[in-house]
N, C-alpha and C. Protein backbone atom coordinates (compact mmCIF):
# COMPACT_ATOMS: atom_id res chain seq x y z
N MET A 1 -103.15 -102.13 -109.16
CA MET A 1 -101.87 -102.37 -108.50
C MET A 1 -102.07 -102.25 -106.99
N GLN A 2 -101.54 -103.19 -106.28
CA GLN A 2 -101.70 -103.24 -104.83
C GLN A 2 -100.42 -102.78 -104.12
N ILE A 3 -100.60 -102.01 -103.06
CA ILE A 3 -99.48 -101.56 -102.24
C ILE A 3 -99.36 -102.51 -101.06
N LYS A 4 -98.14 -103.02 -100.83
CA LYS A 4 -97.92 -103.97 -99.73
C LYS A 4 -96.83 -103.46 -98.81
N LYS A 5 -96.72 -104.10 -97.66
CA LYS A 5 -95.67 -103.78 -96.70
C LYS A 5 -94.30 -103.98 -97.35
N ASP A 6 -93.36 -103.11 -97.01
CA ASP A 6 -91.97 -103.12 -97.51
C ASP A 6 -91.82 -102.64 -98.95
N ASP A 7 -92.89 -102.14 -99.59
CA ASP A 7 -92.77 -101.53 -100.91
C ASP A 7 -92.16 -100.14 -100.76
N ASN A 8 -91.37 -99.72 -101.73
CA ASN A 8 -90.83 -98.36 -101.76
C ASN A 8 -91.82 -97.49 -102.52
N VAL A 9 -92.19 -96.35 -101.91
CA VAL A 9 -93.20 -95.47 -102.51
C VAL A 9 -92.71 -94.03 -102.49
N ILE A 10 -93.39 -93.19 -103.27
CA ILE A 10 -93.16 -91.76 -103.28
C ILE A 10 -94.49 -91.08 -102.98
N VAL A 11 -94.47 -90.02 -102.15
CA VAL A 11 -95.68 -89.32 -101.75
C VAL A 11 -96.03 -88.30 -102.84
N LEU A 12 -97.30 -88.30 -103.28
CA LEU A 12 -97.73 -87.45 -104.38
C LEU A 12 -98.30 -86.11 -103.92
N THR A 13 -98.95 -86.05 -102.75
CA THR A 13 -99.60 -84.83 -102.29
C THR A 13 -99.36 -84.61 -100.81
N GLY A 14 -99.67 -83.40 -100.35
CA GLY A 14 -99.58 -83.08 -98.93
C GLY A 14 -98.28 -82.42 -98.56
N LYS A 15 -98.08 -82.25 -97.25
CA LYS A 15 -96.89 -81.54 -96.75
C LYS A 15 -95.60 -82.29 -97.02
N ASP A 16 -95.68 -83.60 -97.22
CA ASP A 16 -94.50 -84.42 -97.47
C ASP A 16 -94.36 -84.81 -98.94
N LYS A 17 -94.93 -84.01 -99.83
CA LYS A 17 -94.91 -84.29 -101.26
C LYS A 17 -93.47 -84.45 -101.76
N GLY A 18 -93.23 -85.51 -102.53
CA GLY A 18 -91.91 -85.76 -103.09
C GLY A 18 -91.02 -86.65 -102.24
N LYS A 19 -91.39 -86.88 -100.99
CA LYS A 19 -90.57 -87.73 -100.12
C LYS A 19 -90.72 -89.19 -100.53
N LYS A 20 -89.64 -89.93 -100.34
CA LYS A 20 -89.64 -91.37 -100.64
C LYS A 20 -89.50 -92.13 -99.33
N GLY A 21 -90.11 -93.28 -99.27
CA GLY A 21 -90.01 -94.09 -98.07
C GLY A 21 -90.52 -95.50 -98.29
N LYS A 22 -90.40 -96.28 -97.23
CA LYS A 22 -90.81 -97.68 -97.25
C LYS A 22 -92.11 -97.82 -96.46
N ILE A 23 -93.03 -98.64 -96.94
CA ILE A 23 -94.30 -98.87 -96.25
C ILE A 23 -94.03 -99.68 -94.99
N LEU A 24 -94.46 -99.13 -93.83
CA LEU A 24 -94.28 -99.83 -92.56
C LEU A 24 -95.49 -100.71 -92.23
N ARG A 25 -96.69 -100.14 -92.42
CA ARG A 25 -97.94 -100.87 -92.13
C ARG A 25 -98.99 -100.49 -93.16
N VAL A 26 -99.91 -101.41 -93.40
CA VAL A 26 -101.02 -101.17 -94.32
C VAL A 26 -102.32 -101.42 -93.56
N PHE A 27 -103.27 -100.50 -93.71
CA PHE A 27 -104.59 -100.63 -93.10
C PHE A 27 -105.63 -100.71 -94.22
N PRO A 28 -105.91 -101.92 -94.75
CA PRO A 28 -106.78 -102.06 -95.92
C PRO A 28 -108.22 -101.60 -95.69
N LYS A 29 -108.76 -101.81 -94.51
CA LYS A 29 -110.15 -101.40 -94.25
C LYS A 29 -110.30 -99.89 -94.24
N LEU A 30 -109.26 -99.19 -93.79
CA LEU A 30 -109.28 -97.72 -93.74
C LEU A 30 -108.69 -97.11 -95.01
N ASN A 31 -108.08 -97.94 -95.86
CA ASN A 31 -107.43 -97.51 -97.09
C ASN A 31 -106.30 -96.51 -96.79
N ARG A 32 -105.51 -96.81 -95.76
CA ARG A 32 -104.42 -95.93 -95.34
C ARG A 32 -103.14 -96.74 -95.19
N VAL A 33 -102.00 -96.04 -95.27
CA VAL A 33 -100.70 -96.67 -95.11
C VAL A 33 -99.81 -95.81 -94.22
N ALA A 34 -98.87 -96.44 -93.53
CA ALA A 34 -97.86 -95.75 -92.73
C ALA A 34 -96.54 -95.88 -93.48
N VAL A 35 -95.94 -94.72 -93.82
CA VAL A 35 -94.70 -94.69 -94.58
C VAL A 35 -93.57 -94.17 -93.69
N ASP A 36 -92.42 -94.81 -93.75
CA ASP A 36 -91.26 -94.44 -92.94
C ASP A 36 -90.80 -93.02 -93.27
N GLY A 37 -90.76 -92.14 -92.26
CA GLY A 37 -90.28 -90.78 -92.43
C GLY A 37 -91.30 -89.80 -92.98
N VAL A 38 -92.55 -90.21 -93.13
CA VAL A 38 -93.59 -89.34 -93.68
C VAL A 38 -94.70 -89.16 -92.65
N ASN A 39 -95.21 -87.93 -92.53
CA ASN A 39 -96.30 -87.60 -91.61
C ASN A 39 -95.92 -87.96 -90.17
N MET A 40 -94.74 -87.55 -89.75
CA MET A 40 -94.24 -87.87 -88.41
C MET A 40 -94.90 -86.97 -87.37
N TYR A 41 -95.17 -87.53 -86.19
CA TYR A 41 -95.71 -86.77 -85.07
C TYR A 41 -95.00 -87.20 -83.79
N LYS A 42 -95.04 -86.30 -82.80
CA LYS A 42 -94.36 -86.58 -81.53
C LYS A 42 -95.38 -87.00 -80.49
N LYS A 43 -95.00 -88.01 -79.69
CA LYS A 43 -95.88 -88.54 -78.65
C LYS A 43 -95.09 -88.60 -77.35
N ASN A 44 -95.69 -88.07 -76.29
CA ASN A 44 -95.05 -88.12 -74.98
C ASN A 44 -95.32 -89.46 -74.34
N GLN A 45 -94.27 -90.09 -73.80
CA GLN A 45 -94.41 -91.38 -73.14
C GLN A 45 -94.04 -91.22 -71.67
N LYS A 46 -94.91 -91.67 -70.81
CA LYS A 46 -94.66 -91.59 -69.38
C LYS A 46 -93.60 -92.60 -68.98
N PRO A 47 -92.90 -92.34 -67.86
CA PRO A 47 -91.92 -93.32 -67.39
C PRO A 47 -92.60 -94.61 -66.96
N LYS A 48 -91.98 -95.74 -67.23
CA LYS A 48 -92.58 -97.03 -66.89
C LYS A 48 -92.20 -97.50 -65.49
N ARG A 49 -91.01 -97.08 -65.04
CA ARG A 49 -90.55 -97.49 -63.71
C ARG A 49 -90.21 -96.26 -62.88
N LYS A 50 -90.18 -96.45 -61.61
CA LYS A 50 -89.83 -95.36 -60.71
C LYS A 50 -88.37 -94.98 -60.95
N GLY A 51 -88.10 -93.69 -61.02
CA GLY A 51 -86.74 -93.21 -61.23
C GLY A 51 -86.38 -93.04 -62.70
N GLU A 52 -87.19 -93.57 -63.60
CA GLU A 52 -86.95 -93.44 -65.03
C GLU A 52 -87.52 -92.11 -65.51
N LYS A 53 -86.98 -91.57 -66.59
CA LYS A 53 -87.50 -90.34 -67.16
C LYS A 53 -88.46 -90.67 -68.30
N GLY A 54 -89.43 -89.78 -68.49
CA GLY A 54 -90.31 -89.90 -69.64
C GLY A 54 -89.56 -89.49 -70.90
N GLN A 55 -90.12 -89.82 -72.04
CA GLN A 55 -89.44 -89.48 -73.29
C GLN A 55 -90.43 -89.01 -74.34
N ILE A 56 -89.90 -88.32 -75.32
CA ILE A 56 -90.71 -87.88 -76.44
C ILE A 56 -90.35 -88.78 -77.61
N MET A 57 -91.34 -89.53 -78.09
CA MET A 57 -91.12 -90.46 -79.20
C MET A 57 -91.67 -89.86 -80.48
N GLU A 58 -91.02 -90.15 -81.59
CA GLU A 58 -91.50 -89.69 -82.88
C GLU A 58 -92.03 -90.90 -83.65
N LYS A 59 -93.29 -90.82 -84.08
CA LYS A 59 -93.94 -91.94 -84.76
C LYS A 59 -94.42 -91.51 -86.14
N ALA A 60 -94.60 -92.48 -87.01
CA ALA A 60 -95.12 -92.21 -88.35
C ALA A 60 -96.64 -92.33 -88.33
N GLY A 61 -97.32 -91.28 -88.74
CA GLY A 61 -98.76 -91.31 -88.87
C GLY A 61 -99.15 -91.94 -90.20
N THR A 62 -100.43 -92.12 -90.40
CA THR A 62 -100.89 -92.75 -91.66
C THR A 62 -101.30 -91.68 -92.66
N ILE A 63 -101.23 -92.04 -93.93
CA ILE A 63 -101.74 -91.20 -95.00
C ILE A 63 -102.61 -92.06 -95.91
N HIS A 64 -103.46 -91.44 -96.67
CA HIS A 64 -104.37 -92.17 -97.55
C HIS A 64 -103.57 -92.87 -98.65
N ALA A 65 -103.99 -94.06 -98.98
CA ALA A 65 -103.25 -94.89 -99.95
C ALA A 65 -103.23 -94.26 -101.35
N SER A 66 -104.21 -93.41 -101.66
CA SER A 66 -104.23 -92.79 -102.99
C SER A 66 -103.18 -91.69 -103.13
N ASN A 67 -102.56 -91.29 -102.01
CA ASN A 67 -101.56 -90.22 -102.03
C ASN A 67 -100.13 -90.74 -102.20
N VAL A 68 -99.98 -92.04 -102.43
CA VAL A 68 -98.65 -92.62 -102.65
C VAL A 68 -98.64 -93.39 -103.96
N LYS A 69 -97.44 -93.50 -104.54
CA LYS A 69 -97.26 -94.23 -105.80
C LYS A 69 -96.07 -95.15 -105.63
N LYS A 70 -96.24 -96.38 -106.07
CA LYS A 70 -95.18 -97.38 -106.00
C LYS A 70 -94.04 -96.99 -106.93
N GLN A 71 -92.81 -97.17 -106.50
CA GLN A 71 -91.64 -96.84 -107.32
C GLN A 71 -91.20 -98.02 -108.15
């Protein structure tokens, strides 16, 4: 069974075990997937223009494809 973008999955292991989400991106060569709302991390972004403030963005990290199951 193949996991594709926009599939709904449930996380089987790790700190986000039991969470459900939608696949945002698939990295077949690395055998990893990015799931919406799972393995989130914060990234600081510098201001792009003068006078603008920097911001803290929250992004979804990747998890191994074997740790998710299609619903």
